[in-house]
Amino acid sequence: MGSLFYGDNAEPIQIEDRALAHLKIVIATKLRRNESFTLSWRHPDGEPTGRSTIWLPPSIPLRFVFASPETPQLSREWIENLAHSAN
C-alpha cells in the first residue's frame, strides 16, 4: 500500500501502489502544465464509510511513497482514463 502526502498534512492518503503509480503520472503531468484539479476517492475498508476530495493546485507540496521498490507495470489506457476524468 502506497501513500500520498498532501501539503503539510502528516496523515497520508493510502492508495494501492499500482493505482498510485498511475495517479502520479497524471498528477505530475497536470501540475507541470500549471493546471489545478480535484482528486476524489472512496474511503478504504477499515475507515469510516464515505469519500474524500482534495484540491490540487500546482503550488501544493506532494510526496508519493511506494511500499514496493519495484515500479509496477503501467497501463496506457488507465492513464488516459484518469487524465480524461481529471479534465
Protein backbone atom coordinates (compact mmCIF):
# COMPACT_ATOMS: atom_id res chain seq x y z
CA MET A 1 0.00 0.00 0.00
CA GLY A 2 1.42 3.34 -1.06
CA SER A 3 0.96 6.76 0.49
CA LEU A 4 0.29 10.20 -0.92
CA PHE A 5 1.30 13.02 1.39
CA TYR A 6 -0.68 16.18 0.63
CA GLY A 7 0.67 19.57 1.71
CA ASP A 8 1.90 19.68 5.29
CA ASN A 9 -0.59 17.04 6.46
CA ALA A 10 1.32 14.30 8.31
CA GLU A 11 -1.54 11.82 7.73
CA PRO A 12 -1.06 10.18 4.31
CA ILE A 13 -3.74 9.14 1.86
CA GLN A 14 -3.37 5.37 1.47
CA ILE A 15 -3.54 4.16 -2.13
CA GLU A 16 -2.56 0.79 -3.58
CA ASP A 17 0.91 1.01 -5.21
CA ARG A 18 -0.18 0.34 -8.79
CA ALA A 19 -3.03 2.87 -8.61
CA LEU A 20 -0.68 5.42 -7.02
CA ALA A 21 1.87 4.93 -9.81
CA HIS A 22 -0.80 5.72 -12.41
CA LEU A 23 -2.05 8.71 -10.43
CA LYS A 24 1.50 10.03 -10.09
CA ILE A 25 1.87 10.20 -13.88
CA VAL A 26 -1.41 12.08 -14.34
CA ILE A 27 -0.87 14.41 -11.37
CA ALA A 28 2.69 15.29 -12.42
CA THR A 29 1.56 15.98 -15.99
CA LYS A 30 -1.30 18.26 -14.93
CA LEU A 31 0.78 20.15 -12.37
CA ARG A 32 3.66 20.55 -14.85
CA ARG A 33 1.12 22.23 -17.15
CA ASN A 34 0.17 24.51 -14.24
CA GLU A 35 -3.35 23.01 -14.10
CA SER A 36 -5.32 22.69 -10.87
CA PHE A 37 -7.87 19.90 -10.38
CA THR A 38 -9.62 17.77 -7.76
CA LEU A 39 -8.80 14.22 -6.69
CA SER A 40 -11.55 12.11 -5.12
CA TRP A 41 -11.53 8.61 -3.66
CA ARG A 42 -13.69 6.26 -1.62
CA HIS A 43 -12.50 5.57 1.89
CA PRO A 44 -10.82 2.15 2.16
CA ASP A 45 -12.11 -0.71 4.26
CA GLY A 46 -11.41 -0.18 7.93
CA GLU A 47 -12.15 3.56 7.76
CA PRO A 48 -15.49 5.32 8.20
CA THR A 49 -17.70 4.91 5.13
CA GLY A 50 -17.57 7.80 2.68
CA ARG A 51 -15.34 9.57 0.23
CA SER A 52 -12.95 12.49 0.23
CA THR A 53 -11.89 15.13 -2.28
CA ILE A 54 -8.81 17.35 -2.28
CA TRP A 55 -7.93 20.33 -4.47
CA LEU A 56 -4.55 20.00 -6.19
CA PRO A 57 -3.05 23.34 -7.22
CA PRO A 58 0.46 23.46 -8.75
CA SER A 59 1.82 25.07 -5.56
CA ILE A 60 0.87 22.23 -3.17
CA PRO A 61 3.71 20.04 -1.91
CA LEU A 62 3.11 16.35 -2.68
CA ARG A 63 5.11 13.24 -1.84
CA PHE A 64 4.47 9.79 -3.28
CA VAL A 65 5.71 6.86 -1.19
CA PHE A 66 5.51 3.32 -2.55
CA ALA A 67 5.60 0.15 -0.44
CA SER A 68 7.35 -1.80 -3.20
CA PRO A 69 10.78 -0.79 -4.52
CA GLU A 70 9.77 -2.06 -7.98
CA THR A 71 7.86 0.12 -10.45
CA PRO A 72 4.57 -1.59 -11.32
CA GLN A 73 3.52 -2.25 -14.89
CA LEU A 74 1.68 0.82 -16.18
CA SER A 75 -1.39 0.75 -18.39
CA ARG A 76 -1.61 3.47 -21.05
CA GLU A 77 -5.40 3.04 -21.13
CA TRP A 78 -5.68 3.51 -17.34
CA ILE A 79 -3.51 6.66 -17.50
CA GLU A 80 -5.60 8.06 -20.36
CA ASN A 81 -8.83 7.34 -18.48
CA LEU A 82 -7.52 9.03 -15.34
CA ALA A 83 -6.31 12.04 -17.34
CA HIS A 84 -9.69 12.30 -19.06
CA SER A 85 -11.55 12.19 -15.75
CA ALA A 86 -9.24 14.89 -14.33
CA ASN A 87 -10.26 17.24 -17.15
